[in-house]
Amino acid sequence: MDFGLTSLFFGALLAATVLPFSSEAMVAAAVMSGEWPTWSIWLTATVGNVLGAQINWFLGRYCMRFHSRRWFPITPQQMELAQTRFQRWGQWSLLFAWVPVIGDPLTFIAGSFAVSFASFSMLVAIGKGARYLVILYFFS
């Protein structure tokens, strides 16, 4: 992996954590540069983004006890919205973990509800991979 794909990987990883970052522009720029095969851009972004969501799952699983602290990165409103969606749709809501604003809290909530890590990873990978396929389609 060269520097450009490494940057894409870490950009996609950061975009899936609770940090405010977006990877869509990076994916579009990588595709338009024509420097790498489309499949490698898709795979790099998807793996990075899923890994970031898995970090959120672990944080939800093991750090929920800090949710009332001021520095906690997810607001009570985001948590409530994610919990409501998650309770309504269950694990299937994880297919929408890529959606801005609700996706990161949703992956965190899945960890706090102790959703199976394997199921979590599969559903998140499908949703995030599909989102990147759409971006690749429009920018190729």
Protein backbone atom coordinates (compact mmCIF):
# COMPACT_ATOMS: atom_id res chain seq x y z
CA MET A 1 0.00 0.00 0.00
CA ASP A 2 1.47 3.36 -0.90
CA PHE A 3 1.13 6.68 0.91
CA GLY A 4 -2.11 7.67 -0.86
CA LEU A 5 -3.95 4.48 0.01
CA THR A 6 -2.52 4.56 3.52
CA SER A 7 -3.91 8.08 3.94
CA LEU A 8 -7.25 6.89 2.57
CA PHE A 9 -7.27 3.98 5.03
CA PHE A 10 -6.65 6.20 8.04
CA GLY A 11 -9.06 8.86 6.77
CA ALA A 12 -11.80 6.24 6.44
CA LEU A 13 -10.94 4.85 9.87
CA LEU A 14 -11.17 8.30 11.48
CA ALA A 15 -14.43 9.03 9.67
CA ALA A 16 -16.03 5.99 11.32
CA THR A 17 -15.02 6.95 14.83
CA VAL A 18 -16.71 9.60 16.92
CA LEU A 19 -14.23 12.18 15.58
CA PRO A 20 -15.75 14.64 13.09
CA PHE A 21 -14.21 13.57 9.80
CA SER A 22 -15.50 12.57 6.37
CA SER A 23 -14.00 10.06 3.95
CA GLU A 24 -16.28 10.47 0.95
CA ALA A 25 -14.23 13.32 -0.56
CA MET A 26 -11.05 11.30 -0.11
CA VAL A 27 -12.59 8.32 -1.92
CA ALA A 28 -13.86 10.54 -4.75
CA ALA A 29 -10.44 12.21 -5.11
CA ALA A 30 -8.67 8.85 -5.14
CA VAL A 31 -10.96 7.57 -7.89
CA MET A 32 -10.65 10.71 -9.99
CA SER A 33 -6.85 10.65 -9.71
CA GLY A 34 -6.82 7.36 -11.62
CA GLU A 35 -3.73 6.37 -9.68
CA TRP A 36 -5.10 3.16 -8.15
CA PRO A 37 -7.44 0.40 -9.27
CA THR A 38 -11.02 1.06 -8.19
CA TRP A 39 -11.20 -2.21 -6.29
CA SER A 40 -8.18 -1.23 -4.13
CA ILE A 41 -9.76 2.14 -3.29
CA TRP A 42 -13.01 0.40 -2.36
CA LEU A 43 -11.27 -2.25 -0.25
CA THR A 44 -8.98 0.23 1.51
CA ALA A 45 -11.80 2.63 2.40
CA THR A 46 -14.19 -0.14 3.44
CA VAL A 47 -11.68 -1.93 5.68
CA GLY A 48 -10.60 1.35 7.30
CA ASN A 49 -14.18 2.47 7.86
CA VAL A 50 -15.26 -0.88 9.30
CA LEU A 51 -12.24 -0.91 11.62
CA GLY A 52 -13.24 2.56 12.86
CA ALA A 53 -16.77 1.30 13.54
CA GLN A 54 -15.31 -1.67 15.41
CA ILE A 55 -13.39 0.77 17.61
CA ASN A 56 -16.74 2.41 18.41
CA TRP A 57 -18.20 -1.02 19.23
CA PHE A 58 -15.38 -1.66 21.72
CA LEU A 59 -15.79 1.80 23.21
CA GLY A 60 -19.52 1.19 23.62
CA ARG A 61 -18.90 -2.20 25.13
CA TYR A 62 -16.34 -1.06 27.66
CA CYS A 63 -16.66 2.73 28.14
CA MET A 64 -20.39 3.29 28.57
CA ARG A 65 -19.86 3.86 32.27
CA PHE A 66 -18.41 7.28 31.37
CA HIS A 67 -21.45 8.49 29.40
CA SER A 68 -22.38 11.15 31.96
CA ARG A 69 -18.95 12.77 31.83
CA ARG A 70 -18.64 16.15 30.14
CA TRP A 71 -15.85 15.00 27.81
CA PHE A 72 -17.82 12.00 26.54
CA PRO A 73 -17.87 12.36 22.72
CA ILE A 74 -21.49 11.39 22.06
CA THR A 75 -24.21 13.75 23.23
CA PRO A 76 -27.21 12.47 25.19
CA GLN A 77 -29.44 13.44 22.24
CA GLN A 78 -27.35 11.38 19.80
CA MET A 79 -27.38 8.46 22.22
CA GLU A 80 -31.15 8.64 22.63
CA LEU A 81 -31.72 8.79 18.85
CA ALA A 82 -29.37 5.86 18.25
CA GLN A 83 -30.96 3.81 21.07
CA THR A 84 -34.44 4.47 19.71
CA ARG A 85 -33.46 3.41 16.18
CA PHE A 86 -31.53 0.44 17.44
CA GLN A 87 -34.36 -0.79 19.64
CA ARG A 88 -36.86 -0.30 16.82
CA TRP A 89 -34.89 -1.95 14.03
CA GLY A 90 -32.47 -4.12 15.99
CA GLN A 91 -29.24 -5.33 14.46
CA TRP A 92 -30.48 -4.54 10.95
CA SER A 93 -30.09 -0.85 11.71
CA LEU A 94 -26.33 -1.46 11.53
CA LEU A 95 -26.66 -1.56 7.74
CA PHE A 96 -27.05 2.21 8.12
CA ALA A 97 -23.96 2.76 10.26
CA TRP A 98 -22.55 4.87 7.41
CA VAL A 99 -25.24 7.56 7.78
CA PRO A 100 -23.81 10.85 9.08
CA VAL A 101 -24.75 11.91 12.63
CA ILE A 102 -26.49 8.65 13.64
CA GLY A 103 -23.96 6.10 12.35
CA ASP A 104 -21.23 6.60 14.93
CA PRO A 105 -23.56 6.59 17.94
CA LEU A 106 -25.33 3.57 16.44
CA THR A 107 -22.11 1.55 16.37
CA PHE A 108 -21.35 2.68 19.90
CA ILE A 109 -24.83 1.64 21.07
CA ALA A 110 -24.38 -1.78 19.43
CA GLY A 111 -21.34 -2.31 21.62
CA SER A 112 -23.14 -1.15 24.73
CA PHE A 113 -25.99 -3.59 23.94
CA ALA A 114 -23.37 -6.36 23.53
CA VAL A 115 -24.35 -7.17 19.95
CA SER A 116 -22.31 -10.11 18.66
CA PHE A 117 -19.04 -8.74 17.27
CA ALA A 118 -19.26 -11.05 14.23
CA SER A 119 -22.83 -9.98 13.36
CA PHE A 120 -21.94 -6.36 13.99
CA SER A 121 -18.89 -6.53 11.72
CA MET A 122 -20.76 -8.27 8.90
CA LEU A 123 -23.70 -5.85 8.86
CA VAL A 124 -21.52 -2.77 9.15
CA ALA A 125 -19.21 -4.01 6.38
CA ILE A 126 -22.16 -4.58 4.04
CA GLY A 127 -23.58 -1.11 4.65
CA LYS A 128 -20.29 0.76 4.49
CA GLY A 129 -19.05 -1.24 1.51
CA ALA A 130 -22.27 -0.51 -0.40
CA ARG A 131 -21.97 3.19 0.37
CA TYR A 132 -18.43 3.27 -1.07
CA LEU A 133 -19.60 1.37 -4.15
CA VAL A 134 -22.16 4.11 -4.80
CA ILE A 135 -19.47 6.79 -4.43
CA LEU A 136 -17.15 4.87 -6.76
CA TYR A 137 -19.96 4.51 -9.31
CA PHE A 138 -20.60 8.25 -9.41
CA PHE A 139 -16.95 9.30 -9.55
CA SER A 140 -15.48 6.65 -11.88
